[in-house]
C-alpha atoms as a PDB file:
ATOM      1  CA  MET A   1       0.084   0.463  -0.033  1.00  0.00           C
ATOM      2  CA  ASN A   2       1.317   2.775  -1.188  1.00  0.00           C
ATOM      3  CA  LEU A   3      -0.370   6.405  -0.156  1.00  0.00           C
ATOM      4  CA  VAL A   4       2.389   8.864  -0.677  1.00  0.00           C
ATOM      5  CA  THR A   5       2.467   9.681  -4.034  1.00  0.00           C
ATOM      6  CA  ASP A   6       4.069  13.081  -4.241  1.00  0.00           C
ATOM      7  CA  ALA A   7       7.042  13.362  -6.187  1.00  0.00           C
ATOM      8  CA  LYS A   8       8.978  15.397  -2.869  1.00  0.00           C
ATOM      9  CA  THR A   9       9.313  13.215  -0.216  1.00  0.00           C
ATOM     10  CA  PRO A  10       7.503  14.101   3.367  1.00  0.00           C
ATOM     11  CA  GLU A  11      10.669  15.118   5.610  1.00  0.00           C
ATOM     12  CA  THR A  12       8.215  15.887   9.006  1.00  0.00           C
ATOM     13  CA  LEU A  13       5.465  14.872  10.318  1.00  0.00           C
ATOM     14  CA  THR A  14       3.118  17.682   9.252  1.00  0.00           C
ATOM     15  CA  GLU A  15       4.113  16.748   5.612  1.00  0.00           C
ATOM     16  CA  LEU A  16       3.034  13.432   5.588  1.00  0.00           C
ATOM     17  CA  ILE A  17       0.003  14.343   7.042  1.00  0.00           C
ATOM     18  CA  ARG A  18      -0.663  16.761   4.716  1.00  0.00           C
ATOM     19  CA  THR A  19       0.271  14.393   1.496  1.00  0.00           C
ATOM     20  CA  LEU A  20      -2.183  11.794   3.106  1.00  0.00           C
ATOM     21  CA  GLU A  21      -5.160  14.344   3.310  1.00  0.00           C
ATOM     22  CA  ARG A  22      -4.189  14.800  -0.669  1.00  0.00           C
ATOM     23  CA  SER A  23      -4.815  11.265  -0.831  1.00  0.00           C
ATOM     24  CA  GLU A  24      -7.174  10.169  -3.066  1.00  0.00           C
ATOM     25  CA  ASP A  25      -7.533   6.677  -1.596  1.00  0.00           C
ATOM     26  CA  LEU A  26      -7.885   6.993   2.338  1.00  0.00           C
ATOM     27  CA  ARG A  27      -9.594   3.522   2.527  1.00  0.00           C
ATOM     28  CA  PRO A  28      -6.421   0.480   2.966  1.00  0.00           C
ATOM     29  CA  LEU A  29      -5.165   3.152   5.874  1.00  0.00           C
ATOM     30  CA  ALA A  30      -9.025   3.571   7.526  1.00  0.00           C
ATOM     31  CA  ARG A  31      -9.460   0.041   7.573  1.00  0.00           C
ATOM     32  CA  GLU A  32      -6.149  -0.943   9.127  1.00  0.00           C
ATOM     33  CA  CYS A  33      -7.080   1.935  12.031  1.00  0.00           C
ATOM     34  CA  GLY A  34     -10.849   0.605  12.397  1.00  0.00           C
ATOM     35  CA  LEU A  35     -12.168   4.068  10.558  1.00  0.00           C
ATOM     36  CA  SER A  36     -14.540   5.441   8.538  1.00  0.00           C
ATOM     37  CA  VAL A  37     -12.888   7.379   5.506  1.00  0.00           C
ATOM     38  CA  ARG A  38     -13.888  10.234   6.611  1.00  0.00           C
ATOM     39  CA  GLU A  39     -13.484  10.064  10.700  1.00  0.00           C
ATOM     40  CA  LEU A  40      -9.615   9.320   9.171  1.00  0.00           C
ATOM     41  CA  ARG A  41      -9.757  12.520   7.179  1.00  0.00           C
ATOM     42  CA  LYS A  42     -11.049  14.777  10.077  1.00  0.00           C
ATOM     43  CA  ARG A  43      -8.334  13.389  12.494  1.00  0.00           C
ATOM     44  CA  LEU A  44      -5.383  13.643  10.047  1.00  0.00           C
ATOM     45  CA  SER A  45      -6.742  17.237   9.707  1.00  0.00           C
ATOM     46  CA  ARG A  46      -6.887  18.088  13.246  1.00  0.00           C
ATOM     47  CA  TRP A  47      -3.346  16.395  14.101  1.00  0.00           C
ATOM     48  CA  ARG A  48      -2.148  18.952  11.013  1.00  0.00           C
ATOM     49  CA  ARG A  49      -3.810  21.898  12.828  1.00  0.00           C
ATOM     50  CA  ASP A  50      -2.113  20.259  16.045  1.00  0.00           C
ATOM     51  CA  LEU A  51       1.294  20.214  14.440  1.00  0.00           C
ATOM     52  CA  ASP A  52       1.227  24.087  13.075  1.00  0.00           C
ATOM     53  CA  LEU A  53       0.825  25.510  16.372  1.00  0.00           C
ATOM     54  CA  PRO A  54       4.003  27.243  17.260  1.00  0.00           C
ATOM     55  CA  ALA A  55       5.519  26.396  20.420  1.00  0.00           C
ATOM     56  CA  GLU A  56       5.422  29.174  22.004  1.00  0.00           C
ATOM     57  CA  ALA A  57       1.547  29.218  21.821  1.00  0.00           C
ATOM     58  CA  VAL A  58       1.474  24.979  23.181  1.00  0.00           C
ATOM     59  CA  GLY A  59       2.644  25.379  26.519  1.00  0.00           C
ATOM     60  CA  ARG A  60      -0.347  24.115  29.687  1.00  0.00           C
ATOM     61  CA  THR A  61      -3.454  24.484  27.443  1.00  0.00           C
ATOM     62  CA  GLY A  62      -1.471  23.211  23.737  1.00  0.00           C
ATOM     63  CA  ALA A  63      -1.467  20.040  21.760  1.00  0.00           C
ATOM     64  CA  SER A  64      -1.021  16.943  22.952  1.00  0.00           C
ATOM     65  CA  ASP A  65       2.225  15.293  23.753  1.00  0.00           C
ATOM     66  CA  ALA A  66       1.967  12.686  21.335  1.00  0.00           C
ATOM     67  CA  THR A  67       2.924  15.627  18.645  1.00  0.00           C
ATOM     68  CA  THR A  68       4.943  17.771  20.194  1.00  0.00           C
ATOM     69  CA  ALA A  69       7.808  18.241  23.004  1.00  0.00           C
ATOM     70  CA  VAL A  70       5.215  19.859  25.485  1.00  0.00           C
ATOM     71  CA  GLU A  71       5.790  17.966  28.982  1.00  0.00           C
ATOM     72  CA  PHE A  72       3.124  18.055  31.658  1.00  0.00           C
ATOM     73  CA  PRO A  73       3.362  18.286  35.208  1.00  0.00           C
ATOM     74  CA  ASP A  74       3.789  14.981  37.673  1.00  0.00           C
ATOM     75  CA  LEU A  75       1.123  15.223  40.058  1.00  0.00           C
ATOM     76  CA  PRO A  76      -0.597  12.844  42.397  1.00  0.00           C
ATOM     77  CA  GLU A  77      -3.341  10.464  41.554  1.00  0.00           C
ATOM     78  CA  ALA A  78      -6.716  11.992  42.510  1.00  0.00           C
ATOM     79  CA  THR A  79      -8.457   8.644  43.683  1.00  0.00           C
ATOM     80  CA  SER A  80      -5.037   8.459  45.858  1.00  0.00           C
ATOM     81  CA  LEU A  81      -6.524  11.602  48.029  1.00  0.00           C
ATOM     82  CA  ASP A  82      -8.907  11.472  50.738  1.00  0.00           C
ATOM     83  CA  GLU A  83      -9.199  15.047  50.715  1.00  0.00           C
ATOM     84  CA  CYS A  84      -9.631  17.729  47.940  1.00  0.00           C
ATOM     85  CA  PRO A  85      -6.213  19.385  48.025  1.00  0.00           C
ATOM     86  CA  ILE A  86      -7.396  22.500  46.758  1.00  0.00           C
ATOM     87  CA  PRO A  87      -5.731  24.841  49.513  1.00  0.00           C
ATOM     88  CA  GLU A  88      -7.644  27.455  51.789  1.00  0.00           C
ATOM     89  CA  ASP A  89      -6.257  29.981  50.616  1.00  0.00           C
ATOM     90  CA  GLY A  90      -7.793  31.735  46.697  1.00  0.00           C
ATOM     91  CA  SER A  91     -11.029  30.268  45.236  1.00  0.00           C
ATOM     92  CA  ASN A  92     -12.936  27.380  46.903  1.00  0.00           C
ATOM     93  CA  VAL A  93     -13.904  26.592  42.931  1.00  0.00           C
ATOM     94  CA  LEU A  94     -12.820  23.598  41.629  1.00  0.00           C
ATOM     95  CA  GLU A  95     -11.826  23.720  38.260  1.00  0.00           C
ATOM     96  CA  VAL A  96     -12.111  19.688  36.213  1.00  0.00           C
ATOM     97  CA  PHE A  97     -10.808  18.688  32.766  1.00  0.00           C
ATOM     98  CA  THR A  98     -12.069  15.589  31.662  1.00  0.00           C
ATOM     99  CA  ASP A  99     -11.320  13.834  28.088  1.00  0.00           C
ATOM    100  CA  GLY A 100     -11.978  10.547  26.912  1.00  0.00           C
ATOM    101  CA  ALA A 101     -10.345   8.513  23.989  1.00  0.00           C
ATOM    102  CA  SER A 102     -11.255   5.367  21.940  1.00  0.00           C
ATOM    103  CA  ARG A 103      -9.092   3.430  19.686  1.00  0.00           C
ATOM    104  CA  GLY A 104     -11.604   2.311  17.098  1.00  0.00           C
ATOM    105  CA  ASN A 105     -15.298   3.778  18.124  1.00  0.00           C
ATOM    106  CA  PRO A 106     -15.524   1.575  19.761  1.00  0.00           C
ATOM    107  CA  GLY A 107     -11.993   0.155  20.642  1.00  0.00           C
ATOM    108  CA  PRO A 108     -10.101   0.130  23.797  1.00  0.00           C
ATOM    109  CA  ALA A 109     -11.095   3.545  25.688  1.00  0.00           C
ATOM    110  CA  SER A 110      -9.932   5.458  28.808  1.00  0.00           C
ATOM    111  CA  VAL A 111     -10.615   8.294  30.169  1.00  0.00           C
ATOM    112  CA  GLY A 112      -8.764  11.629  31.619  1.00  0.00           C
ATOM    113  CA  ALA A 113      -9.420  14.343  34.060  1.00  0.00           C
ATOM    114  CA  LEU A 114      -7.059  17.186  35.627  1.00  0.00           C
ATOM    115  CA  PHE A 115      -8.331  18.855  38.723  1.00  0.00           C
ATOM    116  CA  ARG A 116      -7.143  22.888  38.972  1.00  0.00           C
ATOM    117  CA  GLN A 117      -7.905  25.208  41.714  1.00  0.00           C
ATOM    118  CA  LYS A 118      -9.991  28.305  39.902  1.00  0.00           C
ATOM    119  CA  ASP A 119      -7.317  30.802  38.928  1.00  0.00           C
ATOM    120  CA  GLY A 120      -4.957  29.085  41.329  1.00  0.00           C
ATOM    121  CA  PRO A 121      -2.397  25.666  40.586  1.00  0.00           C
ATOM    122  CA  ASP A 122      -3.058  22.281  38.553  1.00  0.00           C
ATOM    123  CA  LEU A 123      -3.889  19.944  41.950  1.00  0.00           C
ATOM    124  CA  CYS A 124      -3.917  16.641  40.682  1.00  0.00           C
ATOM    125  CA  VAL A 125      -4.962  14.438  37.825  1.00  0.00           C
ATOM    126  CA  HIS A 126      -6.623  11.091  36.958  1.00  0.00           C
ATOM    127  CA  GLN A 127      -6.324   8.524  34.123  1.00  0.00           C
ATOM    128  CA  ALA A 128      -7.927   5.281  33.808  1.00  0.00           C
ATOM    129  CA  ALA A 129      -8.155   2.585  31.120  1.00  0.00           C
ATOM    130  CA  ILE A 130     -11.989   1.615  30.522  1.00  0.00           C
ATOM    131  CA  GLY A 131     -12.053  -1.625  28.322  1.00  0.00           C
ATOM    132  CA  LYS A 132     -14.208  -1.521  24.656  1.00  0.00           C
ATOM    133  CA  ALA A 133     -16.381   1.806  24.589  1.00  0.00           C
ATOM    134  CA  THR A 134     -17.124   4.601  21.849  1.00  0.00           C
ATOM    135  CA  ASN A 135     -15.664   7.972  22.217  1.00  0.00           C
ATOM    136  CA  ASN A 136     -18.994   9.365  23.197  1.00  0.00           C
ATOM    137  CA  GLU A 137     -19.204   7.013  25.949  1.00  0.00           C
ATOM    138  CA  ALA A 138     -15.394   7.390  26.932  1.00  0.00           C
ATOM    139  CA  GLU A 139     -16.009  11.173  27.122  1.00  0.00           C
ATOM    140  CA  TYR A 140     -19.497  10.329  29.538  1.00  0.00           C
ATOM    141  CA  THR A 141     -17.495   8.116  31.132  1.00  0.00           C
ATOM    142  CA  ALA A 142     -14.622  10.903  32.009  1.00  0.00           C
ATOM    143  CA  VAL A 143     -17.140  12.849  33.604  1.00  0.00           C
ATOM    144  CA  VAL A 144     -19.232  10.506  35.780  1.00  0.00           C
ATOM    145  CA  GLN A 145     -15.647   9.270  37.113  1.00  0.00           C
ATOM    146  CA  ALA A 146     -14.728  13.096  37.568  1.00  0.00           C
ATOM    147  CA  LEU A 147     -17.786  13.914  39.463  1.00  0.00           C
ATOM    148  CA  GLU A 148     -17.692  11.099  41.708  1.00  0.00           C
ATOM    149  CA  ILE A 149     -13.865  11.606  42.994  1.00  0.00           C
ATOM    150  CA  CYS A 150     -15.093  15.326  43.701  1.00  0.00           C
ATOM    151  CA  SER A 151     -18.431  13.792  45.454  1.00  0.00           C
ATOM    152  CA  ARG A 152     -16.517  11.718  47.998  1.00  0.00           C
ATOM    153  CA  TRP A 153     -14.486  14.635  48.355  1.00  0.00           C
ATOM    154  CA  GLY A 154     -16.991  16.883  49.712  1.00  0.00           C
ATOM    155  CA  VAL A 155     -16.486  19.391  47.490  1.00  0.00           C
ATOM    156  CA  GLY A 156     -19.082  22.435  47.445  1.00  0.00           C
ATOM    157  CA  LYS A 157     -18.841  24.193  43.436  1.00  0.00           C
ATOM    158  CA  VAL A 158     -17.509  22.404  40.453  1.00  0.00           C
ATOM    159  CA  HIS A 159     -16.978  24.011  37.106  1.00  0.00           C
ATOM    160  CA  LEU A 160     -16.662  21.401  34.052  1.00  0.00           C
ATOM    161  CA  PHE A 161     -14.693  21.897  31.214  1.00  0.00           C
ATOM    162  CA  LEU A 162     -14.721  19.249  28.105  1.00  0.00           C
ATOM    163  CA  ASP A 163     -13.942  19.522  24.498  1.00  0.00           C
ATOM    164  CA  SER A 164     -16.784  17.337  23.913  1.00  0.00           C
ATOM    165  CA  GLU A 165     -19.623  19.446  22.391  1.00  0.00           C
ATOM    166  CA  LEU A 166     -21.902  17.033  22.360  1.00  0.00           C
ATOM    167  CA  VAL A 167     -21.551  15.920  26.271  1.00  0.00           C
ATOM    168  CA  ALA A 168     -21.721  19.664  26.937  1.00  0.00           C
ATOM    169  CA  ARG A 169     -24.608  19.995  25.758  1.00  0.00           C
ATOM    170  CA  GLN A 170     -26.513  17.182  26.325  1.00  0.00           C
ATOM    171  CA  LEU A 171     -25.367  18.354  30.353  1.00  0.00           C
ATOM    172  CA  THR A 172     -26.897  21.480  30.285  1.00  0.00           C
ATOM    173  CA  GLY A 173     -30.106  20.277  28.701  1.00  0.00           C
ATOM    174  CA  ALA A 174     -29.540  22.064  24.848  1.00  0.00           C
ATOM    175  CA  TYR A 175     -29.277  18.079  23.373  1.00  0.00           C
ATOM    176  CA  ARG A 176     -31.562  15.505  24.216  1.00  0.00           C
ATOM    177  CA  VAL A 177     -29.776  12.317  25.125  1.00  0.00           C
ATOM    178  CA  LYS A 178     -30.939   9.820  22.135  1.00  0.00           C
ATOM    179  CA  SER A 179     -28.427   7.375  22.599  1.00  0.00           C
ATOM    180  CA  VAL A 180     -29.559   4.071  24.893  1.00  0.00           C
ATOM    181  CA  ALA A 181     -25.875   3.483  25.547  1.00  0.00           C
ATOM    182  CA  LEU A 182     -25.403   7.106  26.806  1.00  0.00           C
ATOM    183  CA  ARG A 183     -28.411   7.709  29.046  1.00  0.00           C
ATOM    184  CA  PRO A 184     -27.170   5.403  31.726  1.00  0.00           C
ATOM    185  CA  LEU A 185     -23.614   7.369  31.974  1.00  0.00           C
ATOM    186  CA  PHE A 186     -25.672  10.824  31.509  1.00  0.00           C
ATOM    187  CA  GLN A 187     -28.360   9.709  34.892  1.00  0.00           C
ATOM    188  CA  GLN A 188     -25.265   9.549  36.744  1.00  0.00           C
ATOM    189  CA  ALA A 189     -23.253  12.144  35.505  1.00  0.00           C
ATOM    190  CA  GLN A 190     -26.585  14.195  36.447  1.00  0.00           C
ATOM    191  CA  HIS A 191     -26.952  12.483  39.851  1.00  0.00           C
ATOM    192  CA  ALA A 192     -23.237  13.450  40.805  1.00  0.00           C
ATOM    193  CA  ALA A 193     -23.765  17.620  39.946  1.00  0.00           C
ATOM    194  CA  ARG A 194     -27.161  17.551  41.951  1.00  0.00           C
ATOM    195  CA  GLY A 195     -24.871  16.927  45.161  1.00  0.00           C
ATOM    196  CA  PHE A 196     -22.714  20.476  44.270  1.00  0.00           C
ATOM    197  CA  LYS A 197     -23.864  23.557  45.134  1.00  0.00           C
ATOM    198  CA  GLU A 198     -22.728  24.885  42.040  1.00  0.00           C
ATOM    199  CA  PHE A 199     -22.050  23.350  39.313  1.00  0.00           C
ATOM    200  CA  ARG A 200     -21.042  24.641  35.413  1.00  0.00           C
ATOM    201  CA  VAL A 201     -20.334  22.741  32.540  1.00  0.00           C
ATOM    202  CA  ARG A 202     -18.097  24.802  29.872  1.00  0.00           C
ATOM    203  CA  HIS A 203     -17.034  23.821  25.878  1.00  0.00           C
ATOM    204  CA  VAL A 204     -13.911  24.257  25.193  1.00  0.00           C
ATOM    205  CA  ARG A 205     -11.761  23.741  22.433  1.00  0.00           C
ATOM    206  CA  ARG A 206      -9.650  20.703  22.538  1.00  0.00           C
ATOM    207  CA  GLU A 207      -6.471  22.552  22.521  1.00  0.00           C
ATOM    208  CA  GLN A 208      -7.537  24.411  25.607  1.00  0.00           C
ATOM    209  CA  ASN A 209      -7.789  20.325  27.291  1.00  0.00           C
ATOM    210  CA  ALA A 210      -4.483  19.068  26.236  1.00  0.00           C
ATOM    211  CA  HIS A 211      -3.652  17.938  29.754  1.00  0.00           C
ATOM    212  CA  ALA A 212      -6.407  15.219  30.176  1.00  0.00           C
ATOM    213  CA  ASP A 213      -6.298  14.577  26.310  1.00  0.00           C
ATOM    214  CA  HIS A 214      -2.657  13.660  27.161  1.00  0.00           C
ATOM    215  CA  LEU A 215      -3.809  11.388  30.180  1.00  0.00           C
ATOM    216  CA  ALA A 216      -6.364   9.734  28.644  1.00  0.00           C
ATOM    217  CA  ASN A 217      -3.947   8.364  25.941  1.00  0.00           C
ATOM    218  CA  ARG A 218      -1.240   8.239  28.406  1.00  0.00           C
ATOM    219  CA  ALA A 219      -4.223   5.377  30.343  1.00  0.00           C
ATOM    220  CA  LEU A 220      -4.398   3.461  26.558  1.00  0.00           C
ATOM    221  CA  ASP A 221      -0.723   3.577  25.940  1.00  0.00           C
ATOM    222  CA  GLU A 222       0.683   2.193  29.371  1.00  0.00           C
ATOM    223  CA  GLN A 223      -2.089  -0.800  29.261  1.00  0.00           C
END
């Protein structure tokens, strides 16, 4: 299978991805990846955009370290903490960034979450492999597991950030949950959310959720 047909051999990963995007037939590669051609093209486009980000613009909210030299801080695992690590000084709002990953959709899946004090430091993280699931199931499971951790800590105010527009809009009531598979996860998230004095959901761009994305993918890599 030869998908690279340009006369000039790609010398960088960005050039290779652009070459693949221009390929007239991605079906063989899509089959090997367990994806539709449409989904593969979407991912190639997304990865290329990430690679085109200037290094100085990446930082804490940049692209995944799978394609850049970004390093995230080594933080404690949230499930190992008996109490919420939010400092007494500063805001009492806990910001939670969640993401889910699925390689195959459905396929091996995982979740990642970053816990941060509002206007303060990153506090701890959570990552876990969850078996076989779709992307949306992984996204919801990440939310559920993160909110359950917050509930166990007795947190009063939680602001949730995620890059899945579908899940964000369903949690805020803008979209109905039509999927039978997602409805139980939605109900678990709603049940956990009702236990907080203040709960907000915000959809963010993928690059603003890079740390959670990194954690989810690392959980898959470490299986």
